[in-house]
């Protein structure tokens, strides 16, 4: 599997929270190679049964969310500009002058409006809010209304960049990087005779409610679940004690909502297999789908691997490909360890 090519394909597919159809269809087509049982849940999550458990062996859910942050159209001005609001955790201050795609009756390229500095020199500078954000698609109101409806979503434009040292920058790496890790783990496991049941889940709505993970945890009802998401990577202005380091491996979560023994097992696996890794210590909720899955039904033993990411929820999110590989190897070896009775 070509990780960079597949990752960019995943990131190109749009899937603003609640409108994840495009990325869901892409994942269904990819998973058909690994499973004869791929379905879409009522909440829009993709579920693929990779293997059935043999007698006495557990079922393991490998999970990553498929939705991305974006915007939603709330009105159209008399001049043809689109007024929008955020869908998920979007920072209005990073939107000005960005390229976007309006997902109307057909995709419309647009730009977020900005005011030339020449015309703002004498005004008090304040950070923009969503009330200041408008999108210009280059058309008059009547033409816009023929193609765009109130409630249509807006995605960041797809502008992938390959940087030095195996790093890539593109929209939606939160959480297509996590999806890539799960797919790579499944691909690595395909040649083995799995005794454990393995179910891949790519859940919807993480950025807005977590309902996809909540319902999938109930539906699949696994013995163990390992979620893969992204977390903060060290960069300028970020507190070092709350961040991981890019290129140092996946971040294994330690938190009250996670099963401590499972977390320690993931750490032990990484150490024994010489898989680059680091720990992420949290004193409460993880703010990932793991918080939803662990309370499904009577409770599910849940772990978390996170991929260090810079510039979260922006159009230029950045990861190191080796950290995706690290997460995939931890997942793969966790499944193998369960087959060997080590968990």
Protein backbone atom coordinates (compact mmCIF):
# COMPACT_ATOMS: atom_id res chain seq x y z
CA UNK A 1 0.00 0.00 0.00
CA UNK A 2 1.38 3.41 -1.01
CA UNK A 3 0.79 5.36 2.19
CA UNK A 4 1.27 8.87 0.79
CA UNK A 5 -0.90 8.26 -2.27
CA UNK A 6 -3.67 6.64 -0.24
CA UNK A 7 -3.50 9.33 2.45
CA UNK A 8 -3.87 12.13 -0.09
CA UNK A 9 -6.79 10.29 -1.69
CA UNK A 10 -8.46 10.11 1.72
CA UNK A 11 -7.81 13.78 2.42
CA UNK A 12 -9.17 14.86 -0.97
CA UNK A 13 -12.54 13.22 -0.28
CA UNK A 14 -14.84 15.65 1.48
CA UNK A 15 -16.63 14.74 4.68
CA UNK A 16 -17.64 17.75 6.76
CA UNK A 17 -19.26 16.45 9.94
CA UNK A 18 -22.78 15.26 9.20
CA UNK A 19 -22.14 15.19 5.43
CA UNK A 20 -19.61 12.39 5.22
CA UNK A 21 -21.02 10.60 2.17
CA UNK A 22 -18.05 11.13 -0.15
CA UNK A 23 -15.38 9.86 2.24
CA UNK A 24 -17.68 7.03 3.37
CA UNK A 25 -18.11 5.79 -0.21
CA UNK A 26 -14.36 5.92 -0.80
CA UNK A 27 -13.72 3.89 2.35
CA UNK A 28 -16.34 1.31 1.39
CA UNK A 29 -14.55 0.79 -1.93
CA UNK A 30 -11.13 0.50 -0.25
CA UNK A 31 -12.40 -1.91 2.42
CA UNK A 32 -13.98 -4.22 -0.16
CA UNK A 33 -10.47 -5.57 -0.68
CA UNK A 34 -10.32 -6.75 2.93
CA UNK A 35 -13.90 -7.60 3.83
CA UNK A 36 -17.02 -9.20 2.39
CA UNK A 37 -19.06 -7.42 5.04
CA UNK A 38 -18.87 -3.63 4.70
CA UNK A 39 -21.86 -1.55 5.68
CA UNK A 40 -22.95 1.98 6.46
CA UNK A 41 -24.55 2.48 9.86
CA UNK A 42 -27.71 4.60 10.26
CA UNK A 43 -25.54 7.39 11.66
CA UNK A 44 -23.23 7.36 8.61
CA UNK A 45 -20.29 5.36 9.98
CA UNK A 46 -18.49 2.72 7.90
CA UNK A 47 -18.15 -0.71 9.52
CA UNK A 48 -16.12 -3.57 8.03
CA UNK A 49 -15.88 -7.04 9.54
CA UNK A 50 -12.34 -8.12 8.70
CA UNK A 51 -12.37 -11.50 10.49
CA UNK A 52 -14.65 -13.58 12.71
CA UNK A 53 -13.29 -14.67 16.11
CA UNK A 54 -12.41 -18.30 16.68
CA UNK A 55 -13.82 -19.89 19.82
CA UNK A 56 -12.41 -18.25 22.92
CA UNK A 57 -10.78 -15.35 21.09
CA UNK A 58 -11.84 -11.71 21.47
CA UNK A 59 -13.30 -9.27 18.99
CA UNK A 60 -11.19 -6.15 18.54
CA UNK A 61 -12.50 -2.89 17.12
CA UNK A 62 -9.97 -0.64 15.38
CA UNK A 63 -11.56 2.80 15.10
CA UNK A 64 -10.88 6.21 13.59
CA UNK A 65 -13.35 8.99 12.80
CA UNK A 66 -13.96 9.91 9.18
CA UNK A 67 -15.47 13.40 9.44
CA UNK A 68 -13.66 16.73 9.18
CA UNK A 69 -14.32 20.26 10.36
CA UNK A 70 -15.79 22.77 7.92
CA UNK A 71 -18.43 25.43 7.48
CA UNK A 72 -22.15 25.54 6.78
CA UNK A 73 -23.94 28.15 4.64
CA UNK A 74 -26.42 30.16 6.71
CA UNK A 75 -27.51 32.85 4.22
CA UNK A 76 -26.77 34.50 0.86
CA UNK A 77 -26.34 38.27 0.75
CA UNK A 78 -27.86 40.57 -1.87
CA UNK A 79 -24.39 40.84 -3.43
CA UNK A 80 -24.04 37.06 -3.76
CA UNK A 81 -21.67 36.46 -0.84
CA UNK A 82 -22.21 33.40 1.35
CA UNK A 83 -22.59 33.89 5.08
CA UNK A 84 -21.34 30.84 6.96
CA UNK A 85 -20.96 29.40 10.44
CA UNK A 86 -18.56 26.79 11.75
CA UNK A 87 -19.25 23.06 11.70
CA UNK A 88 -16.88 21.67 14.30
CA UNK A 89 -14.01 23.46 16.02
CA UNK A 90 -13.03 26.06 13.43
CA UNK A 91 -11.04 29.16 14.41
CA UNK A 92 -12.40 32.19 12.54
CA UNK A 93 -9.03 33.93 12.69
CA UNK A 94 -7.43 31.40 10.32
CA UNK A 95 -10.18 31.56 7.69
CA UNK A 96 -9.51 34.97 6.15
CA UNK A 97 -8.25 34.73 2.51
CA UNK A 98 -8.41 30.91 2.51
CA UNK A 99 -9.45 28.85 -0.51
CA UNK A 100 -12.58 26.76 0.01
CA UNK A 101 -14.99 24.53 -1.89
CA UNK A 102 -18.75 25.06 -1.52
CA UNK A 103 -20.54 21.71 -1.77
CA UNK A 104 -23.69 22.80 -3.59
CA UNK A 105 -25.50 21.22 -6.53
CA UNK A 106 -21.98 21.08 -7.94
CA UNK A 107 -18.69 21.96 -6.30
CA UNK A 108 -17.97 25.68 -6.40
CA UNK A 109 -14.50 27.06 -5.70
CA UNK A 110 -14.53 30.09 -3.47
CA UNK A 111 -12.36 32.32 -1.31
CA UNK A 112 -12.98 33.75 2.11
CA UNK A 113 -13.25 37.52 1.83
CA UNK A 114 -10.54 39.80 3.18
CA UNK A 115 -10.10 43.57 3.36
CA UNK A 116 -6.89 45.07 1.94
CA UNK A 117 -4.61 46.42 4.70
CA UNK A 118 -4.64 49.82 2.96
CA UNK A 119 -8.29 50.18 3.95
CA UNK A 120 -7.88 49.03 7.54
CA UNK A 121 -4.83 51.08 8.53
CA UNK A 122 -6.82 53.52 10.67
CA UNK A 123 -9.12 50.93 12.22
CA UNK A 124 -8.59 49.17 15.52
CA UNK A 125 -7.29 45.68 14.85
CA UNK A 126 -9.40 42.91 16.37
CA UNK A 127 -9.47 39.18 15.73
CA UNK A 128 -12.23 38.25 13.27
CA UNK A 129 -15.25 36.30 14.47
CA UNK A 130 -17.62 34.15 12.41
CA UNK A 131 -19.79 37.25 11.98
CA UNK A 132 -16.96 38.67 9.85
CA UNK A 133 -16.61 35.63 7.58
CA UNK A 134 -18.10 35.66 4.06
CA UNK A 135 -17.30 33.54 1.01
CA UNK A 136 -16.98 34.93 -2.51
CA UNK A 137 -17.72 32.46 -5.32
CA UNK A 138 -17.57 35.14 -8.02
CA UNK A 139 -21.27 35.21 -8.95
CA UNK A 140 -24.32 37.38 -8.48
CA UNK A 141 -27.01 36.34 -6.01
CA UNK A 142 -29.37 34.78 -8.57
CA UNK A 143 -26.66 32.58 -10.05
CA UNK A 144 -25.47 31.59 -6.58
CA UNK A 145 -29.00 30.62 -5.51
CA UNK A 146 -29.27 28.32 -8.54
CA UNK A 147 -26.35 26.26 -7.20
CA UNK A 148 -26.19 26.80 -3.44
CA UNK A 149 -28.82 26.22 -0.78
CA UNK A 150 -28.90 27.27 2.84
CA UNK A 151 -27.45 24.36 4.82
CA UNK A 152 -24.89 23.31 2.20
CA UNK A 153 -21.45 22.70 3.69
CA UNK A 154 -18.10 24.21 2.82
CA UNK A 155 -14.78 22.37 2.92
CA UNK A 156 -11.22 23.63 2.86
CA UNK A 157 -9.65 23.39 -0.60
CA UNK A 158 -7.45 20.35 -1.26
CA UNK A 159 -3.88 21.64 -1.62
CA UNK A 160 -1.50 18.81 -0.66
CA UNK A 161 2.16 19.55 -0.02
CA UNK A 162 5.07 17.16 0.44
CA UNK A 163 7.58 18.69 2.83
CA UNK A 164 11.05 17.57 3.88
CA UNK A 165 11.79 14.60 6.14
CA UNK A 166 8.66 12.61 5.29
CA UNK A 167 6.20 15.27 6.40
CA UNK A 168 3.04 16.19 4.53
CA UNK A 169 0.62 19.10 4.86
CA UNK A 170 -3.00 19.06 3.69
CA UNK A 171 -6.55 19.51 4.95
CA UNK A 172 -8.37 16.77 6.87
CA UNK A 173 -5.35 14.96 8.30
CA UNK A 174 -7.56 15.09 11.38
CA UNK A 175 -8.48 12.30 11.11
CA UNK A 176 -7.57 10.80 7.75
CA UNK A 177 -4.13 10.13 9.25
CA UNK A 178 -5.88 7.91 11.82
CA UNK A 179 -7.85 6.17 9.09
CA UNK A 180 -4.62 5.57 7.20
CA UNK A 181 -3.08 3.89 10.26
CA UNK A 182 -6.06 1.54 10.61
CA UNK A 183 -6.01 0.68 6.89
CA UNK A 184 -2.27 0.02 7.01
CA UNK A 185 -2.68 -2.26 10.04
CA UNK A 186 -5.43 -4.20 8.26
CA UNK A 187 -3.26 -4.48 5.16
CA UNK A 188 -0.36 -5.79 7.26
CA UNK A 189 -2.63 -8.37 8.89
CA UNK A 190 -4.23 -9.64 5.68
CA UNK A 191 -1.70 -12.44 5.14
CA UNK A 192 -2.07 -13.83 8.68
CA UNK A 193 -4.71 -16.29 9.84
CA UNK A 194 -6.54 -14.08 12.30
CA UNK A 195 -7.95 -15.98 15.26
CA UNK A 196 -9.33 -12.79 16.77
CA UNK A 197 -12.34 -11.05 15.38
CA UNK A 198 -11.26 -7.74 13.84
CA UNK A 199 -13.74 -4.99 12.96
CA UNK A 200 -12.66 -1.73 11.34
CA UNK A 201 -14.90 1.21 12.20
CA UNK A 202 -14.67 4.66 10.67
CA UNK A 203 -17.15 6.69 12.65
CA UNK A 204 -19.10 9.79 11.76
CA UNK A 205 -19.82 13.00 13.65
CA UNK A 206 -16.77 13.07 15.94
CA UNK A 207 -16.17 16.76 15.34
CA UNK A 208 -19.70 17.73 16.36
CA UNK A 209 -21.15 15.17 18.77
CA UNK A 210 -19.41 11.80 18.81
CA UNK A 211 -22.67 10.05 18.03
CA UNK A 212 -21.07 7.86 15.37
CA UNK A 213 -18.69 6.29 17.88
CA UNK A 214 -21.41 6.02 20.52
CA UNK A 215 -23.69 4.02 18.24
CA UNK A 216 -20.87 1.94 16.69
CA UNK A 217 -19.60 0.91 20.10
CA UNK A 218 -23.08 -0.34 20.95
CA UNK A 219 -23.55 -2.04 17.58
CA UNK A 220 -20.19 -3.82 17.33
CA UNK A 221 -19.92 -4.58 21.07
CA UNK A 222 -16.24 -5.62 20.93
CA UNK A 223 -14.16 -7.03 23.75
CA UNK A 224 -11.45 -4.43 23.10
CA UNK A 225 -11.34 -1.20 21.13
CA UNK A 226 -8.33 0.85 20.08
CA UNK A 227 -9.07 4.30 18.69
CA UNK A 228 -6.68 6.21 16.48
CA UNK A 229 -6.90 9.99 16.31
CA UNK A 230 -4.49 12.91 16.10
CA UNK A 231 -3.14 15.01 18.95
CA UNK A 232 -1.07 18.12 19.37
CA UNK A 233 2.51 18.16 18.10
CA UNK A 234 5.06 20.57 19.48
CA UNK A 235 5.28 23.79 17.55
CA UNK A 236 5.90 27.48 18.26
CA UNK A 237 3.70 28.86 21.00
CA UNK A 238 2.36 25.50 22.20
CA UNK A 239 3.07 24.23 25.73
CA UNK A 240 5.59 21.40 25.45
CA UNK A 241 4.10 19.36 28.28
CA UNK A 242 0.78 19.08 26.41
CA UNK A 243 2.30 18.08 23.06
CA UNK A 244 4.01 15.14 21.42
CA UNK A 245 6.94 15.31 19.02
CA UNK A 246 6.58 14.67 15.32
CA UNK A 247 8.72 11.79 14.11
CA UNK A 248 8.94 10.17 17.56
CA UNK A 249 6.08 7.73 17.00
CA UNK A 250 2.43 7.39 17.95
CA UNK A 251 1.27 8.78 21.29
CA UNK A 252 -0.16 6.03 23.52
CA UNK A 253 -2.86 7.52 25.70
CA UNK A 254 -2.97 7.19 29.49
CA UNK A 255 -6.21 8.58 30.92
CA UNK A 256 -8.96 7.72 33.44
CA UNK A 257 -11.43 6.99 30.65
CA UNK A 258 -9.04 4.51 29.02
CA UNK A 259 -8.46 0.97 30.25
CA UNK A 260 -5.15 1.20 32.11
CA UNK A 261 -4.11 -2.41 31.52
CA UNK A 262 -4.82 -2.08 27.81
CA UNK A 263 -2.81 1.15 27.65
CA UNK A 264 0.11 -0.53 29.40
CA UNK A 265 -0.17 -3.46 27.01
CA UNK A 266 0.08 -1.11 24.02
CA UNK A 267 3.18 0.43 25.62
CA UNK A 268 4.68 -3.02 26.30
CA UNK A 269 4.04 -4.08 22.70
CA UNK A 270 5.71 -0.94 21.33
CA UNK A 271 8.73 -1.47 23.57
CA UNK A 272 9.11 -5.18 22.78
CA UNK A 273 8.81 -4.62 19.02
CA UNK A 274 11.04 -1.51 19.01
CA UNK A 275 8.19 0.59 17.60
CA UNK A 276 8.82 4.32 18.07
CA UNK A 277 6.25 5.68 20.52
CA UNK A 278 5.61 8.24 23.21
CA UNK A 279 3.06 8.64 25.99
CA UNK A 280 0.22 11.15 26.19
CA UNK A 281 -0.94 11.71 29.75
CA UNK A 282 -4.46 13.10 30.24
CA UNK A 283 -6.14 13.76 33.59
CA UNK A 284 -9.73 13.24 32.45
CA UNK A 285 -11.49 12.84 29.13
CA UNK A 286 -9.39 12.30 26.01
CA UNK A 287 -11.69 14.44 23.81
CA UNK A 288 -11.70 11.62 21.25
CA UNK A 289 -14.12 8.87 20.27
CA UNK A 290 -12.54 6.72 22.98
CA UNK A 291 -14.64 8.61 25.54
CA UNK A 292 -17.82 7.48 23.77
CA UNK A 293 -16.83 3.89 22.99
CA UNK A 294 -15.65 3.05 26.51
CA UNK A 295 -19.16 3.58 27.94
CA UNK A 296 -21.10 1.65 25.27
CA UNK A 297 -23.39 -1.06 26.68
CA UNK A 298 -21.84 -2.25 29.96
CA UNK A 299 -18.46 -0.69 29.09
CA UNK A 300 -15.72 -1.59 26.59
CA UNK A 301 -12.01 -1.84 27.37
CA UNK A 302 -10.66 0.97 25.21
CA UNK A 303 -7.20 2.25 24.32
CA UNK A 304 -5.99 5.22 22.29
CA UNK A 305 -3.12 5.85 19.88
CA UNK A 306 -2.73 9.40 18.59
CA UNK A 307 -0.64 10.74 15.73
CA UNK A 308 1.19 14.02 16.46
CA UNK A 309 -0.21 16.77 14.24
CA UNK A 310 0.59 20.44 13.77
CA UNK A 311 -1.92 23.19 12.92
CA UNK A 312 -5.02 21.23 13.93
CA UNK A 313 -8.36 22.15 12.30
CA UNK A 314 -6.63 24.31 9.70
CA UNK A 315 -6.21 23.85 5.91
CA UNK A 316 -2.49 23.10 6.43
CA UNK A 317 -2.50 20.31 9.01
CA UNK A 318 0.83 18.49 9.12
CA UNK A 319 1.96 14.98 10.09
CA UNK A 320 5.06 12.82 9.75
CA UNK A 321 4.37 9.64 7.76
CA UNK A 322 6.56 7.59 10.10
CA UNK A 323 4.16 8.36 12.98
CA UNK A 324 1.30 6.88 10.96
CA UNK A 325 3.43 3.77 10.42
CA UNK A 326 4.14 3.61 14.16
CA UNK A 327 0.43 3.68 15.01
CA UNK A 328 -0.30 0.99 12.41
CA UNK A 329 2.38 -1.32 13.79
CA UNK A 330 1.07 -0.91 17.34
CA UNK A 331 -2.44 -1.85 16.17
CA UNK A 332 -1.17 -4.81 14.15
CA UNK A 333 0.88 -6.18 17.00
CA UNK A 334 -1.93 -5.65 19.50
CA UNK A 335 -4.15 -7.94 17.42
CA UNK A 336 -1.35 -10.51 17.22
CA UNK A 337 -0.78 -10.29 20.99
CA UNK A 338 -4.45 -11.03 21.62
CA UNK A 339 -4.15 -14.10 19.41
CA UNK A 340 -1.16 -15.21 21.48
CA UNK A 341 -3.09 -14.69 24.70
CA UNK A 342 -0.86 -11.89 25.93
CA UNK A 343 -3.55 -9.28 26.59
